[in-house]
Each structure stands twice: as C-alpha cells, then as structure tokens.
C-alpha atoms as a PDB file:
ATOM      1  CA  UNK A   1      41.190 -16.954  20.712  1.00  0.00           C
ATOM      2  CA  UNK A   2      39.727 -13.277  20.201  1.00  0.00           C
ATOM      3  CA  UNK A   3      40.460 -13.027  16.499  1.00  0.00           C
ATOM      4  CA  UNK A   4      38.625 -16.955  16.227  1.00  0.00           C
ATOM      5  CA  UNK A   5      35.715 -15.200  18.189  1.00  0.00           C
ATOM      6  CA  UNK A   6      35.479 -12.226  15.990  1.00  0.00           C
ATOM      7  CA  UNK A   7      35.902 -14.551  12.860  1.00  0.00           C
ATOM      8  CA  UNK A   8      33.065 -16.942  14.030  1.00  0.00           C
ATOM      9  CA  UNK A   9      30.918 -13.573  14.820  1.00  0.00           C
ATOM     10  CA  UNK A  10      31.257 -12.434  10.995  1.00  0.00           C
ATOM     11  CA  UNK A  11      30.553 -15.925   9.893  1.00  0.00           C
ATOM     12  CA  UNK A  12      27.595 -16.064  11.648  1.00  0.00           C
ATOM     13  CA  UNK A  13      26.319 -12.464  10.333  1.00  0.00           C
ATOM     14  CA  UNK A  14      27.246 -13.124   6.903  1.00  0.00           C
ATOM     15  CA  UNK A  15      23.946 -14.516   5.661  1.00  0.00           C
ATOM     16  CA  UNK A  16      22.566 -10.942   6.613  1.00  0.00           C
ATOM     17  CA  UNK A  17      24.938  -9.558   4.080  1.00  0.00           C
ATOM     18  CA  UNK A  18      24.159 -11.604   1.017  1.00  0.00           C
ATOM     19  CA  UNK A  19      22.844  -9.652  -1.672  1.00  0.00           C
ATOM     20  CA  UNK A  20      19.044  -9.660  -2.891  1.00  0.00           C
ATOM     21  CA  UNK A  21      18.060 -11.446  -5.657  1.00  0.00           C
ATOM     22  CA  UNK A  22      18.536  -9.918  -9.140  1.00  0.00           C
ATOM     23  CA  UNK A  23      15.827  -7.666 -10.152  1.00  0.00           C
ATOM     24  CA  UNK A  24      13.396  -9.334 -12.441  1.00  0.00           C
ATOM     25  CA  UNK A  25      10.791  -7.848 -14.957  1.00  0.00           C
ATOM     26  CA  UNK A  26       7.153  -7.889 -14.129  1.00  0.00           C
ATOM     27  CA  UNK A  27       4.789 -10.074 -15.974  1.00  0.00           C
ATOM     28  CA  UNK A  28       1.734  -7.957 -15.951  1.00  0.00           C
ATOM     29  CA  UNK A  29      -1.857  -8.456 -16.744  1.00  0.00           C
ATOM     30  CA  UNK A  30      -4.893  -6.404 -16.657  1.00  0.00           C
ATOM     31  CA  UNK A  31      -8.051  -7.787 -15.017  1.00  0.00           C
ATOM     32  CA  UNK A  32     -10.780  -5.439 -14.759  1.00  0.00           C
ATOM     33  CA  UNK A  33     -11.877  -1.529 -14.297  1.00  0.00           C
ATOM     34  CA  UNK A  34     -12.452  -0.351 -10.764  1.00  0.00           C
ATOM     35  CA  UNK A  35     -16.045   1.064  -9.968  1.00  0.00           C
ATOM     36  CA  UNK A  36     -15.392   4.633 -10.045  1.00  0.00           C
ATOM     37  CA  UNK A  37     -12.145   4.836 -12.266  1.00  0.00           C
ATOM     38  CA  UNK A  38      -9.346   5.830  -9.925  1.00  0.00           C
ATOM     39  CA  UNK A  39      -8.302   3.211  -7.982  1.00  0.00           C
ATOM     40  CA  UNK A  40      -5.515   3.938  -5.469  1.00  0.00           C
ATOM     41  CA  UNK A  41      -5.773   1.427  -2.865  1.00  0.00           C
ATOM     42  CA  UNK A  42      -5.935  -2.349  -2.483  1.00  0.00           C
ATOM     43  CA  UNK A  43      -6.185  -5.230   0.433  1.00  0.00           C
ATOM     44  CA  UNK A  44      -6.602  -8.935   0.053  1.00  0.00           C
ATOM     45  CA  UNK A  45      -9.474 -10.395   2.145  1.00  0.00           C
ATOM     46  CA  UNK A  46     -10.616 -14.131   1.146  1.00  0.00           C
ATOM     47  CA  UNK A  47     -13.944 -12.489   0.808  1.00  0.00           C
ATOM     48  CA  UNK A  48     -13.225 -10.445  -2.202  1.00  0.00           C
ATOM     49  CA  UNK A  49     -10.505  -7.402  -2.994  1.00  0.00           C
ATOM     50  CA  UNK A  50     -10.901  -3.979  -1.375  1.00  0.00           C
ATOM     51  CA  UNK A  51     -10.607  -1.021  -3.381  1.00  0.00           C
ATOM     52  CA  UNK A  52     -10.021   2.595  -2.529  1.00  0.00           C
ATOM     53  CA  UNK A  53     -11.373   5.233  -5.194  1.00  0.00           C
ATOM     54  CA  UNK A  54      -9.102   8.238  -4.996  1.00  0.00           C
ATOM     55  CA  UNK A  55     -11.685  10.928  -6.199  1.00  0.00           C
ATOM     56  CA  UNK A  56     -14.968   9.544  -4.692  1.00  0.00           C
ATOM     57  CA  UNK A  57     -13.419   8.139  -1.443  1.00  0.00           C
ATOM     58  CA  UNK A  58     -15.818   5.272  -1.635  1.00  0.00           C
ATOM     59  CA  UNK A  59     -14.335   1.770  -0.837  1.00  0.00           C
ATOM     60  CA  UNK A  60     -15.481  -1.411  -2.710  1.00  0.00           C
ATOM     61  CA  UNK A  61     -15.463  -4.930  -1.943  1.00  0.00           C
ATOM     62  CA  UNK A  62     -15.230  -7.037  -5.564  1.00  0.00           C
ATOM     63  CA  UNK A  63     -15.199 -10.521  -6.474  1.00  0.00           C
ATOM     64  CA  UNK A  64     -11.615 -11.725  -7.202  1.00  0.00           C
ATOM     65  CA  UNK A  65     -12.464 -13.169 -10.812  1.00  0.00           C
ATOM     66  CA  UNK A  66     -14.952 -10.464 -12.144  1.00  0.00           C
ATOM     67  CA  UNK A  67     -14.554  -7.199 -10.561  1.00  0.00           C
ATOM     68  CA  UNK A  68     -18.398  -7.373  -9.477  1.00  0.00           C
ATOM     69  CA  UNK A  69     -19.224  -5.048  -6.829  1.00  0.00           C
ATOM     70  CA  UNK A  70     -19.945  -7.224  -3.579  1.00  0.00           C
ATOM     71  CA  UNK A  71     -20.460  -4.325  -1.070  1.00  0.00           C
ATOM     72  CA  UNK A  72     -19.874  -0.316  -1.243  1.00  0.00           C
ATOM     73  CA  UNK A  73     -18.913   1.770   1.868  1.00  0.00           C
ATOM     74  CA  UNK A  74     -19.008   5.431   1.552  1.00  0.00           C
ATOM     75  CA  UNK A  75     -16.327   6.939   4.062  1.00  0.00           C
ATOM     76  CA  UNK A  76     -15.143  10.421   5.350  1.00  0.00           C
ATOM     77  CA  UNK A  77     -11.935  10.043   3.616  1.00  0.00           C
ATOM     78  CA  UNK A  78     -10.244  12.580   1.144  1.00  0.00           C
ATOM     79  CA  UNK A  79      -7.700  11.873  -1.464  1.00  0.00           C
ATOM     80  CA  UNK A  80      -7.629   8.272  -0.661  1.00  0.00           C
ATOM     81  CA  UNK A  81      -4.330   6.894  -1.266  1.00  0.00           C
ATOM     82  CA  UNK A  82      -4.447   3.600   0.847  1.00  0.00           C
ATOM     83  CA  UNK A  83      -6.617   1.356   2.193  1.00  0.00           C
ATOM     84  CA  UNK A  84      -6.544  -1.810   4.860  1.00  0.00           C
ATOM     85  CA  UNK A  85      -9.106  -4.111   6.204  1.00  0.00           C
ATOM     86  CA  UNK A  86      -8.467  -5.964   9.823  1.00  0.00           C
ATOM     87  CA  UNK A  87      -9.003  -5.977  13.063  1.00  0.00           C
ATOM     88  CA  UNK A  88     -12.812  -5.493  12.752  1.00  0.00           C
ATOM     89  CA  UNK A  89     -11.904  -2.455  11.029  1.00  0.00           C
ATOM     90  CA  UNK A  90     -11.712  -0.489   7.410  1.00  0.00           C
ATOM     91  CA  UNK A  91      -8.671   1.837   7.539  1.00  0.00           C
ATOM     92  CA  UNK A  92      -8.429   4.436   5.024  1.00  0.00           C
ATOM     93  CA  UNK A  93      -5.359   6.641   4.311  1.00  0.00           C
ATOM     94  CA  UNK A  94      -6.611  10.567   3.766  1.00  0.00           C
ATOM     95  CA  UNK A  95      -3.530  11.931   2.151  1.00  0.00           C
ATOM     96  CA  UNK A  96      -4.890  15.742   2.405  1.00  0.00           C
ATOM     97  CA  UNK A  97      -7.735  17.354   1.109  1.00  0.00           C
ATOM     98  CA  UNK A  98     -10.040  15.973  -1.911  1.00  0.00           C
ATOM     99  CA  UNK A  99      -8.995  15.684  -5.497  1.00  0.00           C
ATOM    100  CA  UNK A 100     -11.275  16.273  -8.339  1.00  0.00           C
ATOM    101  CA  UNK A 101     -14.645  16.546  -6.183  1.00  0.00           C
ATOM    102  CA  UNK A 102     -15.848  19.396  -4.122  1.00  0.00           C
ATOM    103  CA  UNK A 103     -14.543  19.751  -0.641  1.00  0.00           C
ATOM    104  CA  UNK A 104     -16.363  18.665   2.404  1.00  0.00           C
ATOM    105  CA  UNK A 105     -16.503  19.327   5.901  1.00  0.00           C
ATOM    106  CA  UNK A 106     -14.261  16.348   7.482  1.00  0.00           C
ATOM    107  CA  UNK A 107     -11.935  16.383   4.424  1.00  0.00           C
ATOM    108  CA  UNK A 108      -8.146  16.045   5.863  1.00  0.00           C
ATOM    109  CA  UNK A 109      -6.083  19.022   5.677  1.00  0.00           C
ATOM    110  CA  UNK A 110      -2.872  16.736   5.665  1.00  0.00           C
ATOM    111  CA  UNK A 111      -2.172  13.343   6.010  1.00  0.00           C
ATOM    112  CA  UNK A 112      -4.421  11.207   8.163  1.00  0.00           C
ATOM    113  CA  UNK A 113      -5.478   7.426   9.208  1.00  0.00           C
ATOM    114  CA  UNK A 114      -9.041   6.612   9.632  1.00  0.00           C
ATOM    115  CA  UNK A 115     -10.389   3.904  11.666  1.00  0.00           C
ATOM    116  CA  UNK A 116     -13.995   3.186  10.030  1.00  0.00           C
ATOM    117  CA  UNK A 117     -17.010   1.116  10.681  1.00  0.00           C
ATOM    118  CA  UNK A 118     -16.741  -1.120   7.553  1.00  0.00           C
ATOM    119  CA  UNK A 119     -20.962  -1.545   7.942  1.00  0.00           C
ATOM    120  CA  UNK A 120     -21.784   2.112   8.422  1.00  0.00           C
ATOM    121  CA  UNK A 121     -18.887   3.947   6.962  1.00  0.00           C
ATOM    122  CA  UNK A 122     -18.610   5.823  10.055  1.00  0.00           C
ATOM    123  CA  UNK A 123     -15.659   7.297  11.211  1.00  0.00           C
ATOM    124  CA  UNK A 124     -14.283   5.796  14.518  1.00  0.00           C
ATOM    125  CA  UNK A 125     -11.205   7.642  15.090  1.00  0.00           C
ATOM    126  CA  UNK A 126      -8.745   9.761  13.445  1.00  0.00           C
ATOM    127  CA  UNK A 127      -4.873   9.434  13.602  1.00  0.00           C
ATOM    128  CA  UNK A 128      -1.967  11.379  12.555  1.00  0.00           C
ATOM    129  CA  UNK A 129       0.400   9.903  10.386  1.00  0.00           C
ATOM    130  CA  UNK A 130       3.479   9.210  12.278  1.00  0.00           C
ATOM    131  CA  UNK A 131       6.417  11.900  11.655  1.00  0.00           C
ATOM    132  CA  UNK A 132       3.842  13.747   9.557  1.00  0.00           C
ATOM    133  CA  UNK A 133       3.287  14.325   5.766  1.00  0.00           C
ATOM    134  CA  UNK A 134       1.564  12.268   3.422  1.00  0.00           C
ATOM    135  CA  UNK A 135       0.480   8.609   3.366  1.00  0.00           C
ATOM    136  CA  UNK A 136       0.085   6.410   0.179  1.00  0.00           C
ATOM    137  CA  UNK A 137      -0.072   3.009   1.620  1.00  0.00           C
ATOM    138  CA  UNK A 138      -1.853   0.968   4.200  1.00  0.00           C
ATOM    139  CA  UNK A 139      -1.940  -2.859   5.354  1.00  0.00           C
ATOM    140  CA  UNK A 140      -3.448  -5.103   7.924  1.00  0.00           C
ATOM    141  CA  UNK A 141      -0.910  -7.834   8.548  1.00  0.00           C
ATOM    142  CA  UNK A 142       0.559  -9.601  12.019  1.00  0.00           C
ATOM    143  CA  UNK A 143      -2.527  -8.063  13.910  1.00  0.00           C
ATOM    144  CA  UNK A 144      -1.168  -4.702  13.099  1.00  0.00           C
ATOM    145  CA  UNK A 145      -1.652  -1.634  10.873  1.00  0.00           C
ATOM    146  CA  UNK A 146       1.808  -1.294   8.455  1.00  0.00           C
ATOM    147  CA  UNK A 147       1.823   2.513   6.994  1.00  0.00           C
ATOM    148  CA  UNK A 148       4.072   4.463   4.430  1.00  0.00           C
ATOM    149  CA  UNK A 149       5.174   6.986   6.412  1.00  0.00           C
ATOM    150  CA  UNK A 150       6.780   9.110   3.543  1.00  0.00           C
ATOM    151  CA  UNK A 151       8.323  11.928   5.749  1.00  0.00           C
ATOM    152  CA  UNK A 152      10.564   9.509   7.285  1.00  0.00           C
ATOM    153  CA  UNK A 153      11.122   7.654   4.299  1.00  0.00           C
ATOM    154  CA  UNK A 154      10.009   4.226   6.253  1.00  0.00           C
ATOM    155  CA  UNK A 155       7.401   1.970   6.762  1.00  0.00           C
ATOM    156  CA  UNK A 156       5.798   2.205  10.351  1.00  0.00           C
ATOM    157  CA  UNK A 157       3.367  -0.492  12.291  1.00  0.00           C
ATOM    158  CA  UNK A 158       0.949   0.670  14.368  1.00  0.00           C
ATOM    159  CA  UNK A 159      -1.761  -0.889  16.804  1.00  0.00           C
ATOM    160  CA  UNK A 160      -4.991  -0.874  16.352  1.00  0.00           C
ATOM    161  CA  UNK A 161      -5.072   2.041  18.627  1.00  0.00           C
ATOM    162  CA  UNK A 162      -2.449   3.999  16.954  1.00  0.00           C
ATOM    163  CA  UNK A 163       0.453   3.556  19.049  1.00  0.00           C
ATOM    164  CA  UNK A 164       3.572   2.927  16.877  1.00  0.00           C
ATOM    165  CA  UNK A 165       5.188  -0.291  17.569  1.00  0.00           C
ATOM    166  CA  UNK A 166       7.860  -0.419  14.994  1.00  0.00           C
ATOM    167  CA  UNK A 167       9.488   0.984  11.881  1.00  0.00           C
ATOM    168  CA  UNK A 168      11.713   0.223   8.995  1.00  0.00           C
ATOM    169  CA  UNK A 169      13.446   2.342   6.800  1.00  0.00           C
ATOM    170  CA  UNK A 170      12.937   2.342   2.790  1.00  0.00           C
ATOM    171  CA  UNK A 171      15.614   3.543   0.236  1.00  0.00           C
ATOM    172  CA  UNK A 172      13.373   4.807  -2.068  1.00  0.00           C
ATOM    173  CA  UNK A 173      10.737   7.919  -2.763  1.00  0.00           C
ATOM    174  CA  UNK A 174       7.163   7.547  -2.751  1.00  0.00           C
ATOM    175  CA  UNK A 175       6.404   4.374  -1.027  1.00  0.00           C
ATOM    176  CA  UNK A 176       3.115   3.499  -2.065  1.00  0.00           C
ATOM    177  CA  UNK A 177       1.166   0.152  -2.047  1.00  0.00           C
ATOM    178  CA  UNK A 178       2.028  -2.152   0.467  1.00  0.00           C
ATOM    179  CA  UNK A 179       1.203  -6.589   0.313  1.00  0.00           C
ATOM    180  CA  UNK A 180       1.833  -9.102   2.901  1.00  0.00           C
ATOM    181  CA  UNK A 181       3.081 -12.809   1.969  1.00  0.00           C
ATOM    182  CA  UNK A 182       3.196 -14.058   5.157  1.00  0.00           C
ATOM    183  CA  UNK A 183       6.724 -13.485   6.454  1.00  0.00           C
ATOM    184  CA  UNK A 184       7.554 -10.432   4.359  1.00  0.00           C
ATOM    185  CA  UNK A 185       6.516  -6.983   3.250  1.00  0.00           C
ATOM    186  CA  UNK A 186       6.011  -6.246  -0.439  1.00  0.00           C
ATOM    187  CA  UNK A 187       6.388  -2.319  -1.217  1.00  0.00           C
ATOM    188  CA  UNK A 188       5.418  -0.368  -4.517  1.00  0.00           C
ATOM    189  CA  UNK A 189       7.955   2.585  -5.136  1.00  0.00           C
ATOM    190  CA  UNK A 190       5.812   4.674  -7.845  1.00  0.00           C
ATOM    191  CA  UNK A 191       8.490   6.927  -8.889  1.00  0.00           C
ATOM    192  CA  UNK A 192      10.950   4.286  -9.618  1.00  0.00           C
ATOM    193  CA  UNK A 193       8.401   1.537 -11.041  1.00  0.00           C
ATOM    194  CA  UNK A 194      10.168  -0.938  -8.633  1.00  0.00           C
ATOM    195  CA  UNK A 195       8.264  -3.407  -6.313  1.00  0.00           C
ATOM    196  CA  UNK A 196      10.393  -4.729  -3.315  1.00  0.00           C
ATOM    197  CA  UNK A 197      10.253  -7.633  -0.895  1.00  0.00           C
ATOM    198  CA  UNK A 198      11.372  -6.453   2.112  1.00  0.00           C
ATOM    199  CA  UNK A 199      12.265  -7.879   5.886  1.00  0.00           C
ATOM    200  CA  UNK A 200       9.579  -6.668   8.340  1.00  0.00           C
ATOM    201  CA  UNK A 201      12.264  -6.595  11.278  1.00  0.00           C
ATOM    202  CA  UNK A 202      15.003  -4.174   9.350  1.00  0.00           C
ATOM    203  CA  UNK A 203      14.022  -3.424   6.090  1.00  0.00           C
ATOM    204  CA  UNK A 204      16.537  -5.578   4.205  1.00  0.00           C
ATOM    205  CA  UNK A 205      15.547  -6.029   0.544  1.00  0.00           C
ATOM    206  CA  UNK A 206      14.972  -9.162  -0.319  1.00  0.00           C
ATOM    207  CA  UNK A 207      13.700  -9.577  -3.785  1.00  0.00           C
ATOM    208  CA  UNK A 208      13.042  -7.187  -6.687  1.00  0.00           C
ATOM    209  CA  UNK A 209      10.292  -6.855  -9.575  1.00  0.00           C
ATOM    210  CA  UNK A 210      10.358  -3.870 -12.054  1.00  0.00           C
ATOM    211  CA  UNK A 211       7.389  -2.760 -13.851  1.00  0.00           C
ATOM    212  CA  UNK A 212       8.153  -1.759 -17.489  1.00  0.00           C
ATOM    213  CA  UNK A 213       7.589   1.593 -19.087  1.00  0.00           C
ATOM    214  CA  UNK A 214       4.396   0.386 -21.311  1.00  0.00           C
ATOM    215  CA  UNK A 215       2.627  -1.286 -17.781  1.00  0.00           C
ATOM    216  CA  UNK A 216      -0.135   0.789 -16.249  1.00  0.00           C
ATOM    217  CA  UNK A 217       1.146   3.581 -13.869  1.00  0.00           C
ATOM    218  CA  UNK A 218       1.442   1.961 -10.427  1.00  0.00           C
ATOM    219  CA  UNK A 219      -0.355   2.993  -7.459  1.00  0.00           C
ATOM    220  CA  UNK A 220      -2.113   0.583  -4.990  1.00  0.00           C
ATOM    221  CA  UNK A 221      -0.844  -2.698  -4.433  1.00  0.00           C
ATOM    222  CA  UNK A 222      -1.555  -5.776  -2.327  1.00  0.00           C
ATOM    223  CA  UNK A 223      -0.349  -9.581  -2.198  1.00  0.00           C
ATOM    224  CA  UNK A 224      -2.754 -12.389  -2.531  1.00  0.00           C
ATOM    225  CA  UNK A 225      -2.294 -16.392  -3.025  1.00  0.00           C
ATOM    226  CA  UNK A 226       1.353 -16.003  -4.680  1.00  0.00           C
ATOM    227  CA  UNK A 227       0.776 -12.963  -7.303  1.00  0.00           C
ATOM    228  CA  UNK A 228       0.831  -9.392  -6.539  1.00  0.00           C
ATOM    229  CA  UNK A 229      -2.185  -7.089  -7.635  1.00  0.00           C
ATOM    230  CA  UNK A 230      -1.888  -2.865  -8.235  1.00  0.00           C
ATOM    231  CA  UNK A 231      -3.927  -0.159  -9.872  1.00  0.00           C
ATOM    232  CA  UNK A 232      -3.348   2.705 -11.933  1.00  0.00           C
ATOM    233  CA  UNK A 233      -5.216   5.592 -10.441  1.00  0.00           C
ATOM    234  CA  UNK A 234      -4.947   7.588 -13.498  1.00  0.00           C
ATOM    235  CA  UNK A 235      -3.740  10.831 -11.400  1.00  0.00           C
ATOM    236  CA  UNK A 236      -0.512  11.807 -11.100  1.00  0.00           C
ATOM    237  CA  UNK A 237       1.375  13.017  -8.037  1.00  0.00           C
ATOM    238  CA  UNK A 238       0.026  17.122  -8.561  1.00  0.00           C
ATOM    239  CA  UNK A 239      -3.647  15.616  -8.450  1.00  0.00           C
ATOM    240  CA  UNK A 240      -4.325  15.990 -12.220  1.00  0.00           C
ATOM    241  CA  UNK A 241      -4.978  13.331 -14.779  1.00  0.00           C
ATOM    242  CA  UNK A 242      -1.984  11.377 -15.600  1.00  0.00           C
ATOM    243  CA  UNK A 243      -3.040  10.506 -19.187  1.00  0.00           C
ATOM    244  CA  UNK A 244      -2.496   6.884 -18.671  1.00  0.00           C
ATOM    245  CA  UNK A 245      -4.296   4.928 -21.157  1.00  0.00           C
ATOM    246  CA  UNK A 246      -4.861   2.412 -18.685  1.00  0.00           C
ATOM    247  CA  UNK A 247      -6.434   4.284 -16.159  1.00  0.00           C
ATOM    248  CA  UNK A 248      -8.586   2.828 -13.574  1.00  0.00           C
ATOM    249  CA  UNK A 249      -7.421  -0.751 -14.206  1.00  0.00           C
ATOM    250  CA  UNK A 250      -6.828  -3.284 -11.388  1.00  0.00           C
ATOM    251  CA  UNK A 251      -3.546  -5.696 -12.645  1.00  0.00           C
ATOM    252  CA  UNK A 252      -2.339  -8.691 -11.852  1.00  0.00           C
ATOM    253  CA  UNK A 253       1.500  -9.068 -11.324  1.00  0.00           C
ATOM    254  CA  UNK A 254       2.529 -12.990 -11.434  1.00  0.00           C
ATOM    255  CA  UNK A 255       5.494 -13.851  -9.478  1.00  0.00           C
END
C-alpha cells in the first residue's frame, strides 16, 4: 500500500517535472526611437507605452503605434533601469548614481525604488531594494510590484507599501525587464540575450525565446497583447556608451 501511495504521489507531481518548451528564435522588428535616446524601462498600459529614460530619468507615455509623446513626467530617479505604472502610482527603479548627466541632490547612492505621483512627478516614498544591490526591472501585476532583486538572484513581489510578499529564484544573471501575460512572468536576461517565461509561484521556466547577435541590445521589456516589447538603451553595464547601432530603439518581439 505504501509503495502504491508513493507511486501515485510521484505521478501527481510529474507534470511539474516536464521540461519547458524548446528555446525558440526571436522575431524582432524595430518600431521607433525613444524621446531621449536611452530607454531602459518599459511598462504597458491600454493608454500607451510608458518608457523610462536612463540618462534624463524622465518617464514618457507614448502612443503605441507611432511613438508620439502623450505625456512627460520629470522624476527624481537616477540611472533609471526599470519602470512600472499601477496602483495609482508611477514606480521608478533608481539603479544608483546618475549616468551621463550632472549629479542631483536626490540621486540614489545605491539601488532604490521610487513611488512617484504620475501627475506631478513628486516622489512620495523611497524603498530599498530587498536584499540590497541594484535593480534593473519593475512590473505592476496582480495588484503588486514585481522587482528584479539582483543581489539575491531573484524576482520579488512587494505591495504598494514596500512590504515583501513573495520571491522566486532565477537561474541566470542580470535579470532585466519584466512583463506579465495574465498568468506568467516574462523576464529579459540581458547578458544571455534570453527571455524566459516563468511561473510566478516558483520560478519554473515555461518558455524561452532567444535574441540573435544582430538584434538590438536588450534592456527594458514589457508584454502587451501577445507580443513582447523591449528597448536598446545604448549604454553598457559600466555606464559607458555600448556602441550599439540600434541605440535608443524600441522593438517588438512577435510571439
């Protein structure tokens, strides 16, 4: 009887052990340039595409089809590398001191998450990155904020007050932009040029899309209506120009 129960338990768990779909090649198209030329954050909304600029640290709401600026919000972020919009707030990932602009008094010394009034750009709160270190990606989904917590090699879910709710591990370094398709997370891993679809409960890899060597350099990312969108910030991890020929572009990955 014990052996039978053990067999049934293993059988019930078997679907969780099935391998993810084979890695597939990305189909990428360049859509338009960002307003300031160094986009490093994206967030999808029905009203338009939010873009966070890494050097000016401004947030723009763009028309999905044309890239036309619908709204501009000046923020107190610095070295912006992640943006989210939800819960009535604009969220900015300040990935440390400024890049390619003069320092400002409110620049972050290390990774911080800024809770911003989307109308005025006023900073309402600043939260440390769970586990410390830098932060490359933010996402608003399931009425909460998802954060790439790089020092812990994880993605962490927080509420609007900064309380940690949940965390899942990731298997690769430099987790960057995040997207949500309604049931799973998408995460861009910039060093490996891979985009993984992850189970939000345990981090299990459900799907993998690979960017080619000639595709724009990957940074910020989001998911919208069946496709992924990502940015080429034109800035290397060291903060110097990357030399990318497609710097400043916003791209779409057809799934």
